[in-house]
N, C-alpha and C. Protein backbone atom coordinates (compact mmCIF):
# COMPACT_ATOMS: atom_id res chain seq x y z
N MET A 1 -25.37 2.36 10.42
CA MET A 1 -23.78 3.30 10.44
C MET A 1 -23.35 3.03 8.64
N ASN A 2 -22.43 3.72 8.69
CA ASN A 2 -21.94 3.84 7.62
C ASN A 2 -21.44 2.24 7.06
N GLN A 3 -20.68 1.97 5.91
CA GLN A 3 -20.62 0.55 5.87
C GLN A 3 -19.30 0.71 4.75
N ILE A 4 -18.40 0.04 5.14
CA ILE A 4 -17.14 -0.82 4.41
C ILE A 4 -17.36 -1.91 3.69
N ASN A 5 -17.74 -1.75 2.25
CA ASN A 5 -17.10 -2.85 1.82
C ASN A 5 -16.20 -4.16 1.41
N ILE A 6 -15.68 -5.15 2.10
CA ILE A 6 -14.91 -5.77 1.74
C ILE A 6 -15.28 -7.35 1.29
N GLN A 7 -13.68 -7.22 0.96
CA GLN A 7 -13.87 -8.79 0.19
C GLN A 7 -12.18 -9.42 0.21
N TYR A 8 -12.61 -10.62 0.42
CA TYR A 8 -10.73 -11.34 0.31
C TYR A 8 -10.50 -11.60 -0.97
N HIS A 9 -9.02 -11.80 -1.31
CA HIS A 9 -8.69 -12.07 -3.06
C HIS A 9 -7.43 -13.14 -2.39
N LYS A 10 -7.24 -13.87 -3.21
CA LYS A 10 -6.24 -14.77 -2.89
C LYS A 10 -5.05 -14.98 -4.23
N THR A 11 -3.93 -14.55 -4.23
CA THR A 11 -2.97 -13.91 -5.24
C THR A 11 -2.17 -15.20 -4.57
N GLU A 12 -0.92 -15.01 -5.85
CA GLU A 12 0.54 -15.66 -5.62
C GLU A 12 1.22 -15.25 -4.47
N ILE A 13 1.17 -14.07 -3.78
CA ILE A 13 1.25 -12.82 -2.50
C ILE A 13 0.85 -13.37 -1.23
N GLY A 14 -0.39 -14.12 -1.35
CA GLY A 14 -0.95 -14.24 -0.36
C GLY A 14 -2.64 -13.71 -0.23
N GLU A 15 -3.00 -13.89 0.55
CA GLU A 15 -4.70 -13.69 0.86
C GLU A 15 -4.72 -12.13 1.01
N LEU A 16 -5.28 -11.56 0.50
CA LEU A 16 -5.62 -9.99 0.49
C LEU A 16 -7.05 -9.55 1.30
N LEU A 17 -7.12 -8.48 1.65
CA LEU A 17 -8.09 -8.47 1.99
C LEU A 17 -8.61 -6.25 1.53
N LEU A 18 -9.39 -6.13 0.99
CA LEU A 18 -9.44 -5.38 0.17
C LEU A 18 -11.14 -5.04 0.78
N GLY A 19 -11.15 -3.54 1.11
CA GLY A 19 -12.28 -2.75 1.26
C GLY A 19 -12.21 -1.38 0.56
N SER A 20 -13.65 -0.99 0.18
CA SER A 20 -14.44 0.21 -0.37
C SER A 20 -15.22 0.89 0.73
N PHE A 21 -14.40 2.19 0.44
CA PHE A 21 -15.70 3.30 1.13
C PHE A 21 -16.07 4.40 0.38
N ARG A 22 -18.10 4.38 -0.25
CA ARG A 22 -18.84 5.17 -0.93
C ARG A 22 -17.65 5.03 -2.29
N GLY A 23 -16.84 4.24 -3.20
CA GLY A 23 -16.51 4.60 -4.36
C GLY A 23 -15.16 4.27 -4.25
N ARG A 24 -14.54 4.08 -3.88
CA ARG A 24 -13.45 4.48 -3.27
C ARG A 24 -12.52 3.44 -2.03
N LEU A 25 -11.16 2.91 -3.21
CA LEU A 25 -10.45 1.90 -2.11
C LEU A 25 -10.02 2.57 -0.77
N CYS A 26 -10.36 1.95 0.37
CA CYS A 26 -9.37 2.56 1.40
C CYS A 26 -8.81 1.26 2.19
N LEU A 27 -8.60 0.24 1.58
CA LEU A 27 -8.20 -0.80 2.25
C LEU A 27 -7.65 -1.91 1.58
N LEU A 28 -6.39 -2.26 1.43
CA LEU A 28 -5.44 -3.31 0.47
C LEU A 28 -4.72 -3.40 1.61
N GLY A 29 -4.62 -4.60 2.26
CA GLY A 29 -3.43 -5.24 2.83
C GLY A 29 -3.50 -7.04 2.79
N PHE A 30 -2.74 -7.32 3.66
CA PHE A 30 -2.18 -8.93 3.72
C PHE A 30 -3.59 -8.93 5.20
N ARG A 31 -3.87 -10.29 4.61
CA ARG A 31 -5.41 -10.86 5.57
C ARG A 31 -5.12 -11.18 6.91
N TYR A 32 -3.61 -11.83 6.65
CA TYR A 32 -2.96 -12.27 7.95
C TYR A 32 -1.44 -11.40 8.46
N GLU A 33 -1.86 -10.01 8.01
CA GLU A 33 -0.94 -9.51 8.56
C GLU A 33 -0.73 -9.12 10.35
N ARG A 34 0.81 -8.63 10.78
CA ARG A 34 0.17 -8.79 12.33
C ARG A 34 0.27 -7.45 12.80
N MET A 35 -0.59 -6.74 12.04
CA MET A 35 -1.46 -5.41 12.43
C MET A 35 -2.65 -5.42 12.23
N ARG A 36 -2.75 -6.48 11.19
CA ARG A 36 -4.32 -6.55 10.49
C ARG A 36 -5.36 -6.05 11.73
N THR A 37 -6.07 -6.14 12.73
CA THR A 37 -6.43 -6.07 13.70
C THR A 37 -6.09 -4.40 14.23
N THR A 38 -5.37 -3.82 14.10
CA THR A 38 -5.03 -2.39 14.12
C THR A 38 -5.63 -1.68 13.07
N VAL A 39 -4.65 -1.86 11.81
CA VAL A 39 -5.18 -0.79 10.25
C VAL A 39 -6.96 -0.98 10.45
N ASP A 40 -7.23 -2.59 10.42
CA ASP A 40 -8.71 -1.99 10.12
C ASP A 40 -9.79 -1.40 11.45
N ASP A 41 -9.30 -1.55 12.43
CA ASP A 41 -9.80 -1.05 13.65
C ASP A 41 -9.64 0.86 13.39
N ARG A 42 -8.41 1.16 12.80
CA ARG A 42 -8.33 2.76 12.53
C ARG A 42 -9.13 2.71 11.42
N ILE A 43 -9.42 2.21 10.71
CA ILE A 43 -10.30 2.63 9.30
C ILE A 43 -12.09 2.05 9.54
N LYS A 44 -12.22 1.51 10.59
CA LYS A 44 -13.61 1.74 10.95
C LYS A 44 -13.96 3.12 11.64
N LYS A 45 -12.83 3.18 12.60
CA LYS A 45 -12.98 4.42 13.62
C LYS A 45 -13.02 5.74 12.67
N GLY A 46 -12.03 5.72 11.57
CA GLY A 46 -12.02 7.02 10.73
C GLY A 46 -12.89 6.93 9.96
N LEU A 47 -13.32 6.30 9.49
CA LEU A 47 -14.33 6.71 8.95
C LEU A 47 -15.92 6.40 9.72
N ASN A 48 -16.27 6.04 10.61
CA ASN A 48 -17.36 5.52 11.14
C ASN A 48 -17.93 4.94 10.75
N ALA A 49 -17.59 3.34 10.46
CA ALA A 49 -17.98 2.36 9.23
C ALA A 49 -17.69 1.22 10.37
N GLY A 50 -18.76 -0.24 9.58
CA GLY A 50 -18.42 -1.17 10.17
C GLY A 50 -18.37 -1.61 8.75
N PHE A 51 -17.47 -2.94 8.97
CA PHE A 51 -16.95 -3.73 7.61
C PHE A 51 -18.12 -4.68 7.57
N ILE A 52 -18.51 -4.42 6.30
CA ILE A 52 -19.64 -5.86 5.61
C ILE A 52 -18.69 -6.65 4.19
N GLU A 53 -19.05 -7.85 4.46
CA GLU A 53 -18.61 -8.68 2.97
C GLU A 53 -19.56 -8.36 2.19
N GLN A 54 -19.33 -7.46 1.10
CA GLN A 54 -20.13 -6.93 0.06
C GLN A 54 -19.03 -7.26 -0.89
N ASP A 55 -19.15 -7.31 -2.63
CA ASP A 55 -18.39 -7.29 -3.46
C ASP A 55 -19.00 -5.28 -3.87
N ASP A 56 -18.30 -4.59 -4.91
CA ASP A 56 -18.86 -3.76 -5.49
C ASP A 56 -17.67 -3.53 -6.77
N GLU A 57 -17.96 -2.49 -7.41
CA GLU A 57 -17.36 -2.02 -8.98
C GLU A 57 -15.87 -1.31 -8.41
N VAL A 58 -15.64 -0.95 -7.58
CA VAL A 58 -14.27 -0.58 -7.32
C VAL A 58 -13.96 -1.67 -6.53
N LEU A 59 -13.80 -2.43 -6.00
CA LEU A 59 -12.96 -4.25 -5.47
C LEU A 59 -13.07 -4.62 -6.72
N LYS A 60 -13.93 -5.30 -7.80
CA LYS A 60 -13.67 -5.91 -8.82
C LYS A 60 -12.59 -5.23 -9.47
N LYS A 61 -12.89 -4.11 -9.76
CA LYS A 61 -12.08 -3.14 -10.78
C LYS A 61 -10.16 -3.51 -10.19
N THR A 62 -10.17 -3.14 -8.41
CA THR A 62 -8.45 -3.35 -7.92
C THR A 62 -8.15 -5.08 -8.01
N ARG A 63 -9.03 -5.78 -7.69
CA ARG A 63 -8.65 -7.29 -8.18
C ARG A 63 -8.09 -7.58 -9.34
N LYS A 64 -8.94 -7.11 -9.95
CA LYS A 64 -8.11 -6.94 -11.90
C LYS A 64 -7.42 -6.49 -12.39
N GLN A 65 -7.13 -5.08 -11.09
CA GLN A 65 -5.75 -4.11 -11.55
C GLN A 65 -4.22 -5.39 -10.77
N LEU A 66 -4.75 -5.60 -9.45
CA LEU A 66 -3.80 -6.25 -8.93
C LEU A 66 -3.14 -7.57 -9.68
N ASP A 67 -3.77 -8.07 -10.16
CA ASP A 67 -3.55 -9.44 -10.61
C ASP A 67 -2.98 -9.50 -11.98
N GLU A 68 -3.26 -8.03 -12.95
CA GLU A 68 -2.07 -7.35 -13.63
C GLU A 68 -0.91 -6.63 -13.13
N TYR A 69 -1.28 -6.35 -12.26
CA TYR A 69 0.69 -6.15 -11.81
C TYR A 69 1.13 -7.30 -11.27
N LEU A 70 0.64 -8.00 -10.52
CA LEU A 70 1.38 -9.64 -10.44
C LEU A 70 1.86 -10.30 -11.26
N ASP A 71 0.85 -10.06 -12.74
CA ASP A 71 1.29 -10.66 -13.74
C ASP A 71 2.45 -9.96 -14.70
N GLY A 72 2.88 -9.04 -14.15
CA GLY A 72 3.65 -8.27 -14.81
C GLY A 72 3.12 -7.25 -15.97
N THR A 73 2.00 -7.52 -16.20
CA THR A 73 1.49 -6.63 -17.28
C THR A 73 0.56 -5.11 -16.55
N ARG A 74 0.71 -4.25 -15.70
CA ARG A 74 0.37 -3.56 -15.17
C ARG A 74 1.39 -2.58 -13.96
N LYS A 75 1.69 -1.25 -14.39
CA LYS A 75 2.81 -0.69 -14.06
C LYS A 75 1.99 0.75 -13.02
N GLU A 76 0.86 1.23 -13.22
CA GLU A 76 0.01 2.16 -12.55
C GLU A 76 -1.53 1.37 -12.36
N PHE A 77 -1.48 2.28 -11.20
CA PHE A 77 -3.23 1.75 -10.93
C PHE A 77 -4.13 3.18 -11.27
N ASP A 78 -4.82 2.85 -11.62
CA ASP A 78 -6.25 3.67 -12.00
C ASP A 78 -7.47 3.67 -10.96
N ILE A 79 -7.18 3.51 -9.96
CA ILE A 79 -8.31 2.98 -8.60
C ILE A 79 -8.33 4.63 -7.87
N PRO A 80 -9.55 4.81 -7.64
CA PRO A 80 -9.87 5.84 -6.81
C PRO A 80 -9.36 5.29 -5.59
N VAL A 81 -8.34 6.52 -4.32
CA VAL A 81 -8.33 5.36 -3.13
C VAL A 81 -8.92 6.76 -2.07
N LEU A 82 -9.00 6.43 -1.18
CA LEU A 82 -9.64 7.43 0.36
C LEU A 82 -8.27 7.08 1.25
N MET A 83 -8.11 7.84 1.84
CA MET A 83 -6.91 7.67 2.18
C MET A 83 -7.41 7.90 3.60
N VAL A 84 -7.05 7.00 4.96
CA VAL A 84 -7.68 7.49 6.39
C VAL A 84 -6.80 7.57 7.14
N GLY A 85 -6.26 8.83 7.70
CA GLY A 85 -5.14 9.00 8.19
C GLY A 85 -5.06 10.40 8.91
N THR A 86 -3.98 11.26 9.77
CA THR A 86 -3.47 12.36 10.07
C THR A 86 -3.22 12.77 8.61
N ASP A 87 -3.61 14.10 8.80
CA ASP A 87 -2.70 15.06 7.55
C ASP A 87 -1.43 14.98 7.07
N PHE A 88 -0.34 15.02 7.89
CA PHE A 88 0.98 14.27 7.77
C PHE A 88 1.29 12.51 7.31
N GLN A 89 0.12 11.95 7.59
CA GLN A 89 0.19 10.47 7.10
C GLN A 89 -0.21 10.10 5.55
N LYS A 90 -0.88 11.69 5.45
CA LYS A 90 -1.74 11.38 3.98
C LYS A 90 -0.16 12.09 2.91
N SER A 91 0.40 13.09 4.09
CA SER A 91 1.18 13.65 3.18
C SER A 91 2.14 12.81 2.67
N VAL A 92 2.69 11.96 3.75
CA VAL A 92 3.55 10.88 3.56
C VAL A 92 2.98 9.91 2.16
N TRP A 93 2.12 9.61 2.00
CA TRP A 93 1.63 8.38 1.23
C TRP A 93 1.51 8.93 0.13
N SER A 94 0.52 10.36 0.19
CA SER A 94 1.13 10.92 -1.40
C SER A 94 2.32 10.79 -1.84
N ALA A 95 3.34 11.60 -1.01
CA ALA A 95 4.34 11.31 -1.51
C ALA A 95 5.05 9.39 -2.03
N LEU A 96 4.49 8.40 -1.71
CA LEU A 96 5.03 6.97 -1.81
C LEU A 96 4.32 6.99 -3.13
N MET A 97 3.04 7.49 -3.48
CA MET A 97 2.44 7.77 -4.77
C MET A 97 3.51 8.00 -6.02
N LYS A 98 4.40 8.67 -5.71
CA LYS A 98 5.03 9.52 -6.56
C LYS A 98 6.83 9.04 -6.70
N VAL A 99 6.42 7.62 -6.24
CA VAL A 99 8.15 6.87 -6.36
C VAL A 99 7.34 5.95 -7.76
N PRO A 100 8.26 5.97 -8.54
CA PRO A 100 7.96 5.49 -10.11
C PRO A 100 8.01 3.96 -9.50
N TYR A 101 7.04 3.23 -10.48
CA TYR A 101 7.48 2.15 -10.77
C TYR A 101 8.60 1.08 -10.81
N GLY A 102 9.24 0.26 -10.55
CA GLY A 102 10.73 -0.05 -10.92
C GLY A 102 11.99 0.56 -9.61
N SER A 103 11.45 1.60 -9.49
CA SER A 103 12.48 2.46 -8.24
C SER A 103 11.84 2.15 -7.14
N THR A 104 13.03 2.86 -5.95
CA THR A 104 13.09 2.79 -4.87
C THR A 104 13.56 3.98 -3.99
N SER A 105 13.11 4.45 -3.14
CA SER A 105 13.57 5.82 -2.38
C SER A 105 13.54 5.54 -0.81
N THR A 106 13.95 6.48 0.03
CA THR A 106 14.22 6.03 1.42
C THR A 106 13.02 7.21 2.26
N TYR A 107 13.35 6.68 3.25
CA TYR A 107 12.36 6.98 4.52
C TYR A 107 12.66 8.71 4.37
N LEU A 108 13.93 9.11 4.35
CA LEU A 108 14.96 10.45 4.78
C LEU A 108 14.24 11.02 3.46
N GLN A 109 14.36 10.62 1.26
CA GLN A 109 14.01 11.31 0.54
C GLN A 109 12.49 11.75 1.07
N VAL A 110 11.88 10.97 1.42
CA VAL A 110 10.48 11.46 1.71
C VAL A 110 10.21 12.29 2.22
N ALA A 111 11.17 12.07 3.38
CA ALA A 111 11.12 13.33 4.35
C ALA A 111 11.28 14.94 3.81
N LYS A 112 12.39 14.71 2.74
CA LYS A 112 12.27 16.07 2.06
C LYS A 112 11.82 16.01 1.02
N ASP A 113 11.16 14.80 0.52
CA ASP A 113 10.11 15.38 -0.65
C ASP A 113 8.16 16.39 -0.03
N ILE A 114 8.33 15.42 1.51
CA ILE A 114 7.69 16.63 1.95
C ILE A 114 7.60 17.81 3.11
N ASN A 115 8.99 18.28 2.74
CA ASN A 115 9.64 19.20 3.21
C ASN A 115 9.91 19.31 4.78
N ASN A 116 9.91 18.20 4.94
CA ASN A 116 10.56 17.83 6.53
C ASN A 116 11.53 16.71 7.17
N GLU A 117 12.83 17.52 6.62
CA GLU A 117 14.00 16.60 6.69
C GLU A 117 14.07 15.76 7.83
N LYS A 118 13.48 16.57 9.04
CA LYS A 118 13.87 16.46 10.69
C LYS A 118 12.68 14.69 10.73
N ALA A 119 11.70 14.73 9.90
CA ALA A 119 11.00 13.83 10.25
C ALA A 119 11.02 12.52 9.70
N VAL A 120 12.25 11.77 9.88
CA VAL A 120 12.50 10.28 9.12
C VAL A 120 11.74 9.37 9.59
N ARG A 121 11.85 9.47 10.77
CA ARG A 121 10.69 7.95 12.06
C ARG A 121 9.31 8.32 11.68
N ALA A 122 9.01 9.39 11.85
CA ALA A 122 7.41 10.01 11.20
C ALA A 122 7.40 9.26 10.30
N VAL A 123 8.19 9.55 9.15
CA VAL A 123 7.88 8.67 7.36
C VAL A 123 7.67 7.66 7.98
N GLY A 124 8.48 7.04 8.80
CA GLY A 124 8.89 5.65 8.98
C GLY A 124 7.33 4.92 9.31
N ASN A 125 6.74 6.00 10.61
CA ASN A 125 5.87 5.18 11.05
C ASN A 125 4.45 5.17 10.39
N ALA A 126 4.02 6.79 9.47
CA ALA A 126 3.28 6.79 8.59
C ALA A 126 3.51 5.27 7.49
N ASN A 127 4.72 5.43 6.88
CA ASN A 127 4.57 4.21 6.00
C ASN A 127 4.14 2.89 7.01
N GLY A 128 4.80 2.58 7.75
CA GLY A 128 4.42 1.41 8.58
C GLY A 128 2.63 1.48 8.74
N ALA A 129 2.09 2.77 8.76
CA ALA A 129 0.72 2.77 8.90
C ALA A 129 -0.51 2.86 7.71
N ASN A 130 0.34 2.91 6.28
CA ASN A 130 -0.57 2.80 5.16
C ASN A 130 -0.76 1.44 5.51
N SER A 131 -2.71 1.52 4.46
CA SER A 131 -3.43 0.71 4.97
C SER A 131 -4.14 0.16 3.38
N ILE A 132 -3.55 1.12 2.25
CA ILE A 132 -3.61 0.60 0.69
C ILE A 132 -2.02 0.16 0.06
N SER A 133 -1.88 -0.92 0.31
CA SER A 133 -0.19 -1.49 0.16
C SER A 133 -0.41 -1.61 -1.24
N ILE A 134 0.73 -2.11 -2.04
CA ILE A 134 0.90 -2.05 -3.27
C ILE A 134 0.86 -1.11 -4.19
N ILE A 135 -1.05 -0.19 -4.12
CA ILE A 135 -1.10 0.79 -4.90
C ILE A 135 -0.81 2.05 -4.01
N ILE A 136 -0.54 2.14 -3.24
CA ILE A 136 0.75 3.21 -2.22
C ILE A 136 1.82 2.87 -1.74
N PRO A 137 2.83 2.78 -3.10
CA PRO A 137 3.56 1.64 -3.31
C PRO A 137 4.68 1.66 -1.75
N CYS A 138 4.65 1.44 -0.51
CA CYS A 138 5.32 1.44 0.58
C CYS A 138 6.45 0.85 0.50
N HIS A 139 6.54 -0.46 -0.27
CA HIS A 139 7.34 -1.54 -0.30
C HIS A 139 8.61 -1.08 -0.88
N ARG A 140 8.46 0.26 -2.15
CA ARG A 140 9.50 0.92 -2.21
C ARG A 140 10.02 1.55 -1.64
N ILE A 141 9.95 1.67 -0.43
CA ILE A 141 11.02 2.80 0.60
C ILE A 141 11.82 1.74 0.97
N ILE A 142 13.42 2.25 0.76
CA ILE A 142 14.25 1.35 1.51
C ILE A 142 15.07 1.87 2.37
N GLY A 143 15.48 1.50 3.33
CA GLY A 143 16.44 2.52 4.54
C GLY A 143 17.94 3.03 3.20
N SER A 144 18.28 4.20 4.14
CA SER A 144 19.62 5.02 3.34
C SER A 144 20.40 3.97 3.11
N ASP A 145 20.71 2.98 3.53
CA ASP A 145 21.92 2.09 3.11
C ASP A 145 21.51 1.53 2.52
N GLY A 146 20.88 1.49 1.80
CA GLY A 146 20.06 0.22 0.47
C GLY A 146 19.54 -0.98 1.11
N GLU A 147 19.50 -1.61 2.53
CA GLU A 147 18.98 -2.24 3.32
C GLU A 147 17.25 -2.48 3.27
N LEU A 148 16.69 -3.97 2.57
CA LEU A 148 15.14 -3.49 3.23
C LEU A 148 15.13 -3.49 4.17
N VAL A 149 14.21 -2.65 4.70
CA VAL A 149 13.68 -2.60 6.50
C VAL A 149 12.30 -2.72 6.36
N GLY A 150 11.35 -3.15 7.14
CA GLY A 150 10.40 -3.23 7.62
C GLY A 150 8.97 -3.08 6.64
N TYR A 151 8.20 -4.50 6.41
CA TYR A 151 7.03 -4.52 5.30
C TYR A 151 6.19 -5.31 6.05
N GLY A 152 5.03 -4.64 5.90
CA GLY A 152 3.67 -5.48 6.58
C GLY A 152 3.25 -7.48 6.26
N GLY A 153 3.94 -6.93 4.66
CA GLY A 153 4.06 -8.41 4.14
C GLY A 153 5.15 -9.48 4.47
N GLY A 154 6.07 -8.83 5.02
CA GLY A 154 7.47 -9.18 5.68
C GLY A 154 8.27 -8.76 4.23
N LEU A 155 9.63 -8.97 5.39
CA LEU A 155 10.47 -8.80 4.27
C LEU A 155 10.67 -9.22 2.71
N THR A 156 10.56 -10.62 2.75
CA THR A 156 10.63 -11.66 1.23
C THR A 156 9.74 -11.23 0.43
N LEU A 157 8.66 -10.72 0.79
CA LEU A 157 7.81 -10.19 0.16
C LEU A 157 8.01 -8.53 -0.67
N LYS A 158 8.49 -8.17 0.40
CA LYS A 158 9.03 -7.12 -0.08
C LYS A 158 10.02 -7.04 -1.68
N GLU A 159 10.69 -8.21 -1.36
CA GLU A 159 12.07 -8.38 -2.19
C GLU A 159 11.25 -8.53 -3.37
N ARG A 160 10.05 -9.54 -3.17
CA ARG A 160 9.81 -10.14 -4.10
C ARG A 160 9.18 -9.03 -5.18
N LEU A 161 8.16 -8.41 -4.69
CA LEU A 161 7.67 -6.92 -5.17
C LEU A 161 8.50 -6.33 -5.90
N LEU A 162 9.89 -5.81 -5.56
CA LEU A 162 10.70 -5.10 -5.66
C LEU A 162 11.54 -5.73 -6.95
N LYS A 163 11.49 -7.08 -7.11
CA LYS A 163 11.88 -7.96 -8.25
C LYS A 163 11.13 -7.86 -9.26
N LEU A 164 10.19 -8.15 -8.82
CA LEU A 164 9.04 -8.21 -10.07
C LEU A 164 8.99 -6.61 -10.63
N GLU A 165 8.95 -5.57 -9.89
CA GLU A 165 8.87 -4.33 -10.75
C GLU A 165 10.00 -4.29 -11.66
N GLN A 166 11.17 -4.15 -11.11
CA GLN A 166 12.39 -4.22 -11.30
C GLN A 166 12.47 -5.24 -12.59
N SER A 167 12.07 -6.15 -12.66
CA SER A 167 12.23 -7.48 -13.42
C SER A 167 11.40 -6.43 -15.14
N ASN A 168 10.66 -5.87 -14.74
CA ASN A 168 9.52 -5.20 -15.71
C ASN A 168 9.93 -4.32 -16.56
N THR A 169 10.80 -3.48 -15.87
CA THR A 169 11.47 -2.61 -16.57
C THR A 169 12.48 -2.52 -17.01
N GLY A 170 13.64 -3.73 -16.72
CA GLY A 170 14.77 -3.76 -17.57
C GLY A 170 16.05 -3.28 -16.55
N LEU A 171 15.81 -3.55 -15.14
CA LEU A 171 16.64 -2.59 -13.92
C LEU A 171 17.18 -3.71 -13.62
N CYS A 172 16.83 -4.78 -13.66
CA CYS A 172 16.98 -6.53 -12.89
C CYS A 172 18.46 -6.80 -13.44
N ASP A 173 19.70 -7.54 -13.15
CA ASP A 173 20.78 -7.95 -13.51
C ASP A 173 20.13 -9.46 -13.13
N ASP A 174 19.49 -9.92 -13.08
CA ASP A 174 19.22 -11.16 -13.48
C ASP A 174 19.22 -11.64 -14.53
């Protein structure tokens, strides 16, 4: 059977679960999030692989870059990612990666970005199915009315990540 190397990483925003498959990051999420089992099972099935707690270079590099992101010294990641999902989901996740650090977008705008304006709800579902949090920045997507909506790590954390980014781009009025 194929293997997904996993590691746990304690950070100021909670304990994260990181996974890599054949030299690419395929999993980055909150260890205790509500949908943890569902996400993990989807990744395992999609890659026909099981989890093995083992470190590797991709996981080491991811931990280092996450720590730099959280301390405000990194705005972009250069980790090779492996998106596990449908073609539609992958198109949404690719669009999310184009939302700049310190900025936000809406589900409607992402739907427009992928040339499928009527797919707002499906974009929301794909955003929720993102298995590579922070690096694929689903926290940057907000409701059309400017409200913070839905985040696997919780809305408090979503707000914290957005404030972290805004304070490092000079956009915050605090």
